[in-house]
Amino acid sequence: MFNAEPMIIACPACGTRYVVPDSALGVEGRTVRCAKCRHSWYQDGPQPAATQPAAPQPAAAAPVAPEPVAPPPPPPAPAPVAASEPVAEPEPAPAVQEPQAEDAPEAPPPPVYADPDWDDQAAPSRFAHEPFLRPRRNPTRMWTVAAAIFAVVALGAVGATAWYGLPDWMPFARPLFAESQAGLKLDFPAKQQDRHELADHTWFFNANGTVTNVSATARSVPTILIVLRDARDRVVYTAEVQSPKRVLAPGESVSINEALTTVPKDGVKAEFGWKPGS
């Protein structure tokens, strides 16, 4: 036989206690659910009352007329449940269901994107790791930085040239001819220049011209420089000529006649001027 008194069970999740009749759980127990936190658990049924061993029978005696036995008192009614304690709601016996694996991993939910046109390859995170020396994605910025650096270097070079002048190792650092001399006039007409080939197949050039002092004072005559160029205007030959008179009086003129041998064959154009630094 089961206990006559009702069972008191407690929710393992929130600790709420309930008074449940034995008949509601049965012998094997059943699954119940807490009305407060909605937690479900399996509750075992009531334990049967312990039976007492039968007393030994006395020796046979004279038969005695049986006395009437009063019927057993009815089981007491279950105690009323307090209004503050919710009554457990026993769940109905579940239907036969196929066993499901409790530890089966759930499938991950599909990714949700705020923008359907978003592309992970086209818009990577700014905080994502990138390999060292990875090519930049914005070549315009690289060209802008390079142009700025070139402009700074060019301005520095122009300023240095204006302050210190061109270095001597540059081919155009020094002029080919010196500036014109004040009071001296150099005149070498192109028609008076003679260039021809000699019998030994070498070339001969005869320079003819005048130097005149057009000032009111005496002037010293610097060294004259003769330059021959080829058809592509490249310098192929240079020669220095000294004036027969080193000092010219006001209005005085002197003739220059200089024969140059073994000049290059391709020296077809002649230029005349003052030698720099003379």
C-alpha atoms as a PDB file:
ATOM      1  CA  MET A   1       0.000   0.000   0.000  1.00  0.00           C
ATOM      2  CA  PHE A   2       1.061   3.643  -0.647  1.00  0.00           C
ATOM      3  CA  ASN A   3       1.286   6.321   1.940  1.00  0.00           C
ATOM      4  CA  ALA A   4      -2.050   7.781   2.703  1.00  0.00           C
ATOM      5  CA  GLU A   5      -0.667  11.275   3.086  1.00  0.00           C
ATOM      6  CA  PRO A   6      -0.096  13.387  -0.076  1.00  0.00           C
ATOM      7  CA  MET A   7       3.467  13.990  -1.325  1.00  0.00           C
ATOM      8  CA  ILE A   8       5.289  17.304  -1.151  1.00  0.00           C
ATOM      9  CA  ILE A   9       7.589  17.859  -4.093  1.00  0.00           C
ATOM     10  CA  ALA A  10       9.917  20.775  -4.834  1.00  0.00           C
ATOM     11  CA  CYS A  11      11.025  22.278  -8.166  1.00  0.00           C
ATOM     12  CA  PRO A  12      14.787  21.636  -8.596  1.00  0.00           C
ATOM     13  CA  ALA A  13      15.134  24.908 -10.511  1.00  0.00           C
ATOM     14  CA  CYS A  14      13.401  27.512  -8.337  1.00  0.00           C
ATOM     15  CA  GLY A  15      12.649  25.530  -5.150  1.00  0.00           C
ATOM     16  CA  THR A  16       8.886  26.068  -5.202  1.00  0.00           C
ATOM     17  CA  ARG A  17       7.095  23.310  -3.225  1.00  0.00           C
ATOM     18  CA  TYR A  18       3.868  21.624  -4.221  1.00  0.00           C
ATOM     19  CA  VAL A  19       1.420  19.200  -2.511  1.00  0.00           C
ATOM     20  CA  VAL A  20       0.530  16.431  -4.950  1.00  0.00           C
ATOM     21  CA  PRO A  21      -1.744  13.396  -4.291  1.00  0.00           C
ATOM     22  CA  ASP A  22      -0.212   9.956  -4.734  1.00  0.00           C
ATOM     23  CA  SER A  23      -2.739   9.116  -7.428  1.00  0.00           C
ATOM     24  CA  ALA A  24      -1.507  12.010  -9.581  1.00  0.00           C
ATOM     25  CA  LEU A  25       2.014  10.543  -9.819  1.00  0.00           C
ATOM     26  CA  GLY A  26       1.251   6.822  -9.998  1.00  0.00           C
ATOM     27  CA  VAL A  27       3.552   3.996  -9.074  1.00  0.00           C
ATOM     28  CA  GLU A  28       6.274   4.679 -11.606  1.00  0.00           C
ATOM     29  CA  GLY A  29       6.129   8.454 -11.404  1.00  0.00           C
ATOM     30  CA  ARG A  30       5.764  10.929 -14.254  1.00  0.00           C
ATOM     31  CA  THR A  31       7.037  14.168 -15.680  1.00  0.00           C
ATOM     32  CA  VAL A  32       5.776  17.325 -13.968  1.00  0.00           C
ATOM     33  CA  ARG A  33       6.283  21.002 -14.736  1.00  0.00           C
ATOM     34  CA  CYS A  34       6.664  23.928 -12.344  1.00  0.00           C
ATOM     35  CA  ALA A  35       3.841  26.439 -12.711  1.00  0.00           C
ATOM     36  CA  LYS A  36       6.187  29.252 -11.627  1.00  0.00           C
ATOM     37  CA  CYS A  37       9.342  28.850 -13.701  1.00  0.00           C
ATOM     38  CA  ARG A  38       7.985  26.369 -16.265  1.00  0.00           C
ATOM     39  CA  HIS A  39      10.808  23.915 -15.534  1.00  0.00           C
ATOM     40  CA  SER A  40      10.007  20.235 -16.240  1.00  0.00           C
ATOM     41  CA  TRP A  41      11.475  17.213 -14.442  1.00  0.00           C
ATOM     42  CA  TYR A  42      10.694  13.582 -13.813  1.00  0.00           C
ATOM     43  CA  GLN A  43       9.190  12.921 -10.375  1.00  0.00           C
ATOM     44  CA  ASP A  44       9.339   9.402  -8.925  1.00  0.00           C
ATOM     45  CA  GLY A  45       6.127   7.868  -7.567  1.00  0.00           C
ATOM     46  CA  PRO A  46       5.387   7.333  -3.852  1.00  0.00           C
ATOM     47  CA  GLN A  47       7.179   4.576  -2.005  1.00  0.00           C
ATOM     48  CA  PRO A  48       4.944   1.734  -0.693  1.00  0.00           C
ATOM     49  CA  ALA A  49       4.508   1.565   3.086  1.00  0.00           C
ATOM     50  CA  ALA A  50       6.652  -1.022   4.892  1.00  0.00           C
ATOM     51  CA  THR A  51       4.717  -4.157   5.872  1.00  0.00           C
ATOM     52  CA  GLN A  52       5.024  -5.490   9.403  1.00  0.00           C
ATOM     53  CA  PRO A  53       5.680  -9.217   9.924  1.00  0.00           C
ATOM     54  CA  ALA A  54       2.684 -11.203  11.120  1.00  0.00           C
ATOM     55  CA  ALA A  55       2.603 -12.091  14.816  1.00  0.00           C
ATOM     56  CA  PRO A  56       2.994 -15.789  15.674  1.00  0.00           C
ATOM     57  CA  GLN A  57      -0.292 -17.617  16.016  1.00  0.00           C
ATOM     58  CA  PRO A  58      -1.106 -18.882  19.507  1.00  0.00           C
ATOM     59  CA  ALA A  59      -1.870 -22.469  20.139  1.00  0.00           C
ATOM     60  CA  ALA A  60      -5.208 -23.689  19.016  1.00  0.00           C
ATOM     61  CA  ALA A  61      -7.916 -22.937  21.520  1.00  0.00           C
ATOM     62  CA  ALA A  62     -11.545 -23.411  21.806  1.00  0.00           C
ATOM     63  CA  PRO A  63     -13.377 -21.671  19.058  1.00  0.00           C
ATOM     64  CA  VAL A  64     -14.685 -18.319  20.036  1.00  0.00           C
ATOM     65  CA  ALA A  65     -17.424 -16.589  18.308  1.00  0.00           C
ATOM     66  CA  PRO A  66     -15.986 -13.801  16.106  1.00  0.00           C
ATOM     67  CA  GLU A  67     -16.602 -10.303  17.263  1.00  0.00           C
ATOM     68  CA  PRO A  68     -17.715  -7.730  14.757  1.00  0.00           C
ATOM     69  CA  VAL A  69     -14.789  -5.683  13.433  1.00  0.00           C
ATOM     70  CA  ALA A  70     -15.280  -2.027  12.825  1.00  0.00           C
ATOM     71  CA  PRO A  71     -14.419  -0.911   9.286  1.00  0.00           C
ATOM     72  CA  PRO A  72     -11.143   1.089   8.863  1.00  0.00           C
ATOM     73  CA  PRO A  73     -11.485   4.844   9.001  1.00  0.00           C
ATOM     74  CA  PRO A  74     -11.453   6.633   5.627  1.00  0.00           C
ATOM     75  CA  PRO A  75      -8.202   8.295   4.605  1.00  0.00           C
ATOM     76  CA  PRO A  76      -7.983  11.898   5.693  1.00  0.00           C
ATOM     77  CA  ALA A  77      -8.660  14.535   3.072  1.00  0.00           C
ATOM     78  CA  PRO A  78      -5.551  16.251   1.629  1.00  0.00           C
ATOM     79  CA  ALA A  79      -4.555  19.430   3.365  1.00  0.00           C
ATOM     80  CA  PRO A  80      -5.581  22.565   1.547  1.00  0.00           C
ATOM     81  CA  VAL A  81      -2.820  24.210  -0.400  1.00  0.00           C
ATOM     82  CA  ALA A  82      -1.875  27.742   0.549  1.00  0.00           C
ATOM     83  CA  ALA A  83      -2.932  30.395  -1.914  1.00  0.00           C
ATOM     84  CA  SER A  84       0.623  31.738  -2.140  1.00  0.00           C
ATOM     85  CA  GLU A  85       2.017  28.392  -3.310  1.00  0.00           C
ATOM     86  CA  PRO A  86       1.134  27.464  -6.894  1.00  0.00           C
ATOM     87  CA  VAL A  87      -0.081  23.942  -7.453  1.00  0.00           C
ATOM     88  CA  ALA A  88       2.035  21.732  -9.640  1.00  0.00           C
ATOM     89  CA  GLU A  89       0.488  21.028 -12.939  1.00  0.00           C
ATOM     90  CA  PRO A  90       1.197  17.398 -13.764  1.00  0.00           C
ATOM     91  CA  GLU A  91       1.763  17.033 -17.423  1.00  0.00           C
ATOM     92  CA  PRO A  92      -0.218  14.431 -19.300  1.00  0.00           C
ATOM     93  CA  ALA A  93       1.560  11.271 -20.222  1.00  0.00           C
ATOM     94  CA  PRO A  94       3.547  12.051 -23.346  1.00  0.00           C
ATOM     95  CA  ALA A  95       2.794  10.179 -26.491  1.00  0.00           C
ATOM     96  CA  VAL A  96       5.298   7.747 -27.837  1.00  0.00           C
ATOM     97  CA  GLN A  97       7.964   9.778 -29.563  1.00  0.00           C
ATOM     98  CA  GLU A  98      11.072   8.813 -31.396  1.00  0.00           C
ATOM     99  CA  PRO A  99      14.181   9.152 -29.269  1.00  0.00           C
ATOM    100  CA  GLN A 100      16.219  12.219 -30.087  1.00  0.00           C
ATOM    101  CA  ALA A 101      19.877  12.734 -29.406  1.00  0.00           C
ATOM    102  CA  GLU A 102      20.168  15.241 -26.592  1.00  0.00           C
ATOM    103  CA  ASP A 103      23.764  16.154 -27.411  1.00  0.00           C
ATOM    104  CA  ALA A 104      23.257  16.559 -31.152  1.00  0.00           C
ATOM    105  CA  PRO A 105      24.871  19.870 -32.193  1.00  0.00           C
ATOM    106  CA  GLU A 106      22.501  22.463 -33.500  1.00  0.00           C
ATOM    107  CA  ALA A 107      23.071  23.777 -36.992  1.00  0.00           C
ATOM    108  CA  PRO A 108      24.523  27.320 -36.898  1.00  0.00           C
ATOM    109  CA  PRO A 109      22.087  29.997 -38.021  1.00  0.00           C
ATOM    110  CA  PRO A 110      22.724  31.479 -41.458  1.00  0.00           C
ATOM    111  CA  PRO A 111      24.694  34.754 -41.482  1.00  0.00           C
ATOM    112  CA  VAL A 112      22.613  37.896 -41.521  1.00  0.00           C
ATOM    113  CA  TYR A 113      23.924  40.929 -43.379  1.00  0.00           C
ATOM    114  CA  ALA A 114      22.648  44.441 -42.912  1.00  0.00           C
ATOM    115  CA  ASP A 115      23.249  45.223 -46.578  1.00  0.00           C
ATOM    116  CA  PRO A 116      22.426  42.506 -49.145  1.00  0.00           C
ATOM    117  CA  ASP A 117      25.014  43.976 -51.556  1.00  0.00           C
ATOM    118  CA  TRP A 118      27.802  43.778 -48.961  1.00  0.00           C
ATOM    119  CA  ASP A 119      30.781  41.727 -50.092  1.00  0.00           C
ATOM    120  CA  ASP A 120      33.429  40.486 -47.678  1.00  0.00           C
ATOM    121  CA  GLN A 121      36.109  40.582 -50.382  1.00  0.00           C
ATOM    122  CA  ALA A 122      35.217  44.065 -51.611  1.00  0.00           C
ATOM    123  CA  ALA A 123      34.943  45.689 -48.173  1.00  0.00           C
ATOM    124  CA  PRO A 124      37.409  44.086 -45.716  1.00  0.00           C
ATOM    125  CA  SER A 125      37.702  45.298 -42.170  1.00  0.00           C
ATOM    126  CA  ARG A 126      40.193  48.061 -41.483  1.00  0.00           C
ATOM    127  CA  PHE A 127      41.385  46.134 -38.440  1.00  0.00           C
ATOM    128  CA  ALA A 128      42.012  42.852 -40.290  1.00  0.00           C
ATOM    129  CA  HIS A 129      45.585  41.556 -40.345  1.00  0.00           C
ATOM    130  CA  GLU A 130      47.508  42.262 -43.539  1.00  0.00           C
ATOM    131  CA  PRO A 131      50.880  40.790 -44.585  1.00  0.00           C
ATOM    132  CA  PHE A 132      54.017  42.922 -44.550  1.00  0.00           C
ATOM    133  CA  LEU A 133      54.750  44.940 -47.729  1.00  0.00           C
ATOM    134  CA  ARG A 134      51.323  44.255 -49.120  1.00  0.00           C
ATOM    135  CA  PRO A 135      50.597  46.425 -52.195  1.00  0.00           C
ATOM    136  CA  ARG A 136      48.384  49.349 -51.407  1.00  0.00           C
ATOM    137  CA  ARG A 137      44.856  49.439 -52.667  1.00  0.00           C
ATOM    138  CA  ASN A 138      44.950  53.162 -53.564  1.00  0.00           C
ATOM    139  CA  PRO A 139      47.642  53.912 -56.183  1.00  0.00           C
ATOM    140  CA  THR A 140      46.385  57.497 -56.541  1.00  0.00           C
ATOM    141  CA  ARG A 141      47.590  58.274 -53.045  1.00  0.00           C
ATOM    142  CA  MET A 142      51.031  56.827 -53.809  1.00  0.00           C
ATOM    143  CA  TRP A 143      51.382  58.993 -56.925  1.00  0.00           C
ATOM    144  CA  THR A 144      50.273  62.056 -54.966  1.00  0.00           C
ATOM    145  CA  VAL A 145      52.930  61.446 -52.311  1.00  0.00           C
ATOM    146  CA  ALA A 146      55.591  60.833 -54.983  1.00  0.00           C
ATOM    147  CA  ALA A 147      54.661  64.070 -56.789  1.00  0.00           C
ATOM    148  CA  ALA A 148      54.878  66.016 -53.535  1.00  0.00           C
ATOM    149  CA  ILE A 149      58.345  64.591 -52.772  1.00  0.00           C
ATOM    150  CA  PHE A 150      59.554  65.385 -56.316  1.00  0.00           C
ATOM    151  CA  ALA A 151      58.281  68.963 -56.018  1.00  0.00           C
ATOM    152  CA  VAL A 152      60.150  69.470 -52.744  1.00  0.00           C
ATOM    153  CA  VAL A 153      63.399  68.076 -54.212  1.00  0.00           C
ATOM    154  CA  ALA A 154      63.051  70.189 -57.376  1.00  0.00           C
ATOM    155  CA  LEU A 155      62.455  73.380 -55.402  1.00  0.00           C
ATOM    156  CA  GLY A 156      65.478  72.604 -53.237  1.00  0.00           C
ATOM    157  CA  ALA A 157      67.664  72.054 -56.314  1.00  0.00           C
ATOM    158  CA  VAL A 158      66.530  75.321 -57.904  1.00  0.00           C
ATOM    159  CA  GLY A 159      67.192  77.221 -54.708  1.00  0.00           C
ATOM    160  CA  ALA A 160      70.662  75.707 -54.313  1.00  0.00           C
ATOM    161  CA  THR A 161      71.511  76.505 -57.931  1.00  0.00           C
ATOM    162  CA  ALA A 162      70.367  80.094 -57.559  1.00  0.00           C
ATOM    163  CA  TRP A 163      72.431  80.539 -54.390  1.00  0.00           C
ATOM    164  CA  TYR A 164      75.604  78.555 -55.147  1.00  0.00           C
ATOM    165  CA  GLY A 165      75.484  78.245 -58.942  1.00  0.00           C
ATOM    166  CA  LEU A 166      75.864  75.123 -61.083  1.00  0.00           C
ATOM    167  CA  PRO A 167      78.560  72.580 -60.089  1.00  0.00           C
ATOM    168  CA  ASP A 168      81.673  72.334 -62.245  1.00  0.00           C
ATOM    169  CA  TRP A 169      81.098  68.681 -63.192  1.00  0.00           C
ATOM    170  CA  MET A 170      77.938  69.488 -65.167  1.00  0.00           C
ATOM    171  CA  PRO A 171      78.526  69.803 -68.928  1.00  0.00           C
ATOM    172  CA  PHE A 172      76.532  73.030 -69.167  1.00  0.00           C
ATOM    173  CA  ALA A 173      77.868  74.522 -65.963  1.00  0.00           C
ATOM    174  CA  ARG A 174      80.473  76.632 -67.768  1.00  0.00           C
ATOM    175  CA  PRO A 175      79.636  78.627 -70.914  1.00  0.00           C
ATOM    176  CA  LEU A 176      81.533  77.825 -74.086  1.00  0.00           C
ATOM    177  CA  PHE A 177      82.494  81.481 -74.681  1.00  0.00           C
ATOM    178  CA  ALA A 178      83.084  84.305 -72.245  1.00  0.00           C
ATOM    179  CA  GLU A 179      80.916  87.385 -72.200  1.00  0.00           C
ATOM    180  CA  SER A 180      81.610  90.131 -74.681  1.00  0.00           C
ATOM    181  CA  GLN A 181      84.464  92.449 -73.736  1.00  0.00           C
ATOM    182  CA  ALA A 182      83.525  96.069 -73.174  1.00  0.00           C
ATOM    183  CA  GLY A 183      85.104  98.304 -75.857  1.00  0.00           C
ATOM    184  CA  LEU A 184      86.339  95.402 -78.048  1.00  0.00           C
ATOM    185  CA  LYS A 185      84.623  94.255 -81.220  1.00  0.00           C
ATOM    186  CA  LEU A 186      85.306  90.786 -82.632  1.00  0.00           C
ATOM    187  CA  ASP A 187      84.522  90.385 -86.365  1.00  0.00           C
ATOM    188  CA  PHE A 188      84.986  87.069 -88.265  1.00  0.00           C
ATOM    189  CA  PRO A 189      82.728  87.109 -91.375  1.00  0.00           C
ATOM    190  CA  ALA A 190      81.691  83.652 -92.592  1.00  0.00           C
ATOM    191  CA  LYS A 191      82.747  84.471 -96.187  1.00  0.00           C
ATOM    192  CA  GLN A 192      86.354  85.042 -95.126  1.00  0.00           C
ATOM    193  CA  GLN A 193      86.776  81.621 -93.543  1.00  0.00           C
ATOM    194  CA  ASP A 194      88.597  79.026 -95.634  1.00  0.00           C
ATOM    195  CA  ARG A 195      88.154  75.258 -95.216  1.00  0.00           C
ATOM    196  CA  HIS A 196      89.450  72.649 -97.700  1.00  0.00           C
ATOM    197  CA  GLU A 197      91.145  69.271 -98.002  1.00  0.00           C
ATOM    198  CA  LEU A 198      94.905  68.994 -98.465  1.00  0.00           C
ATOM    199  CA  ALA A 199      96.853  66.583-100.693  1.00  0.00           C
ATOM    200  CA  ASP A 200      97.478  64.196 -97.824  1.00  0.00           C
ATOM    201  CA  HIS A 201      93.673  63.950 -97.282  1.00  0.00           C
ATOM    202  CA  THR A 202      93.785  66.036 -94.117  1.00  0.00           C
ATOM    203  CA  TRP A 203      91.574  69.070 -93.661  1.00  0.00           C
ATOM    204  CA  PHE A 204      92.778  72.637 -93.339  1.00  0.00           C
ATOM    205  CA  PHE A 205      90.928  75.614 -91.783  1.00  0.00           C
ATOM    206  CA  ASN A 206      92.090  79.235 -92.102  1.00  0.00           C
ATOM    207  CA  ALA A 207      90.422  81.718 -89.701  1.00  0.00           C
ATOM    208  CA  ASN A 208      90.373  85.366 -90.821  1.00  0.00           C
ATOM    209  CA  GLY A 209      88.984  88.286 -88.828  1.00  0.00           C
ATOM    210  CA  THR A 210      89.669  91.542 -86.967  1.00  0.00           C
ATOM    211  CA  VAL A 211      89.592  92.844 -83.408  1.00  0.00           C
ATOM    212  CA  THR A 212      88.839  96.565 -82.969  1.00  0.00           C
ATOM    213  CA  ASN A 213      88.989  98.815 -79.919  1.00  0.00           C
ATOM    214  CA  VAL A 214      85.883 100.956 -80.154  1.00  0.00           C
ATOM    215  CA  SER A 215      86.313 102.581 -76.739  1.00  0.00           C
ATOM    216  CA  ALA A 216      88.056 105.836 -75.799  1.00  0.00           C
ATOM    217  CA  THR A 217      90.712 104.095 -73.733  1.00  0.00           C
ATOM    218  CA  ALA A 218      93.334 101.447 -74.383  1.00  0.00           C
ATOM    219  CA  ARG A 219      92.113  97.846 -74.086  1.00  0.00           C
ATOM    220  CA  SER A 220      93.971  94.557 -73.651  1.00  0.00           C
ATOM    221  CA  VAL A 221      92.918  91.794 -76.055  1.00  0.00           C
ATOM    222  CA  PRO A 222      91.995  88.454 -74.411  1.00  0.00           C
ATOM    223  CA  THR A 223      92.543  85.032 -75.965  1.00  0.00           C
ATOM    224  CA  ILE A 224      90.269  84.203 -78.900  1.00  0.00           C
ATOM    225  CA  LEU A 225      88.535  80.811 -78.987  1.00  0.00           C
ATOM    226  CA  ILE A 226      87.696  79.050 -82.285  1.00  0.00           C
ATOM    227  CA  VAL A 227      85.109  76.226 -82.156  1.00  0.00           C
ATOM    228  CA  LEU A 228      84.187  73.864 -85.011  1.00  0.00           C
ATOM    229  CA  ARG A 229      80.849  72.001 -84.971  1.00  0.00           C
ATOM    230  CA  ASP A 230      79.503  69.160 -87.104  1.00  0.00           C
ATOM    231  CA  ALA A 231      76.198  68.996 -88.971  1.00  0.00           C
ATOM    232  CA  ARG A 232      74.431  67.896 -85.749  1.00  0.00           C
ATOM    233  CA  ASP A 233      75.761  70.993 -83.919  1.00  0.00           C
ATOM    234  CA  ARG A 234      78.189  68.978 -81.790  1.00  0.00           C
ATOM    235  CA  VAL A 235      81.588  70.462 -80.869  1.00  0.00           C
ATOM    236  CA  VAL A 236      84.317  68.491 -82.669  1.00  0.00           C
ATOM    237  CA  TYR A 237      87.295  70.855 -82.473  1.00  0.00           C
ATOM    238  CA  THR A 238      88.515  73.862 -80.417  1.00  0.00           C
ATOM    239  CA  ALA A 239      91.571  76.099 -80.790  1.00  0.00           C
ATOM    240  CA  GLU A 240      92.951  79.148 -78.999  1.00  0.00           C
ATOM    241  CA  VAL A 241      94.387  82.136 -80.886  1.00  0.00           C
ATOM    242  CA  GLN A 242      96.419  85.011 -79.465  1.00  0.00           C
ATOM    243  CA  SER A 243      96.200  88.523 -80.926  1.00  0.00           C
ATOM    244  CA  PRO A 244      99.409  89.867 -82.553  1.00  0.00           C
ATOM    245  CA  LYS A 245      98.957  92.960 -80.365  1.00  0.00           C
ATOM    246  CA  ARG A 246      97.958  92.403 -76.727  1.00  0.00           C
ATOM    247  CA  VAL A 247      96.917  96.049 -76.134  1.00  0.00           C
ATOM    248  CA  LEU A 248      94.933  98.192 -78.588  1.00  0.00           C
ATOM    249  CA  ALA A 249      94.774 101.954 -78.473  1.00  0.00           C
ATOM    250  CA  PRO A 250      91.420 103.720 -78.843  1.00  0.00           C
ATOM    251  CA  GLY A 251      90.123 103.133 -82.402  1.00  0.00           C
ATOM    252  CA  GLU A 252      92.946 100.733 -83.246  1.00  0.00           C
ATOM    253  CA  SER A 253      92.247  97.441 -85.081  1.00  0.00           C
ATOM    254  CA  VAL A 254      94.306  94.278 -85.553  1.00  0.00           C
ATOM    255  CA  SER A 255      93.906  91.430 -88.097  1.00  0.00           C
ATOM    256  CA  ILE A 256      93.694  87.789 -87.032  1.00  0.00           C
ATOM    257  CA  ASN A 257      94.890  85.139 -89.492  1.00  0.00           C
ATOM    258  CA  GLU A 258      95.248  81.633 -88.056  1.00  0.00           C
ATOM    259  CA  ALA A 259      95.820  78.429 -90.019  1.00  0.00           C
ATOM    260  CA  LEU A 260      94.493  75.276 -88.352  1.00  0.00           C
ATOM    261  CA  THR A 261      95.633  71.915 -89.726  1.00  0.00           C
ATOM    262  CA  THR A 262      94.400  68.371 -89.208  1.00  0.00           C
ATOM    263  CA  VAL A 263      90.963  69.547 -88.254  1.00  0.00           C
ATOM    264  CA  PRO A 264      88.109  66.978 -88.287  1.00  0.00           C
ATOM    265  CA  LYS A 265      86.442  66.396 -91.606  1.00  0.00           C
ATOM    266  CA  ASP A 266      82.973  66.833 -90.135  1.00  0.00           C
ATOM    267  CA  GLY A 267      83.768  70.263 -88.608  1.00  0.00           C
ATOM    268  CA  VAL A 268      81.657  72.255 -91.056  1.00  0.00           C
ATOM    269  CA  LYS A 269      80.584  75.226 -88.886  1.00  0.00           C
ATOM    270  CA  ALA A 270      82.917  77.716 -87.166  1.00  0.00           C
ATOM    271  CA  GLU A 271      82.217  79.911 -84.131  1.00  0.00           C
ATOM    272  CA  PHE A 272      84.407  82.643 -82.674  1.00  0.00           C
ATOM    273  CA  GLY A 273      84.428  84.254 -79.216  1.00  0.00           C
ATOM    274  CA  TRP A 274      86.456  85.135 -76.171  1.00  0.00           C
ATOM    275  CA  LYS A 275      87.961  82.361 -74.084  1.00  0.00           C
ATOM    276  CA  PRO A 276      86.405  82.131 -70.608  1.00  0.00           C
ATOM    277  CA  GLY A 277      88.726  83.256 -67.811  1.00  0.00           C
ATOM    278  CA  SER A 278      91.275  84.905 -70.120  1.00  0.00           C
END
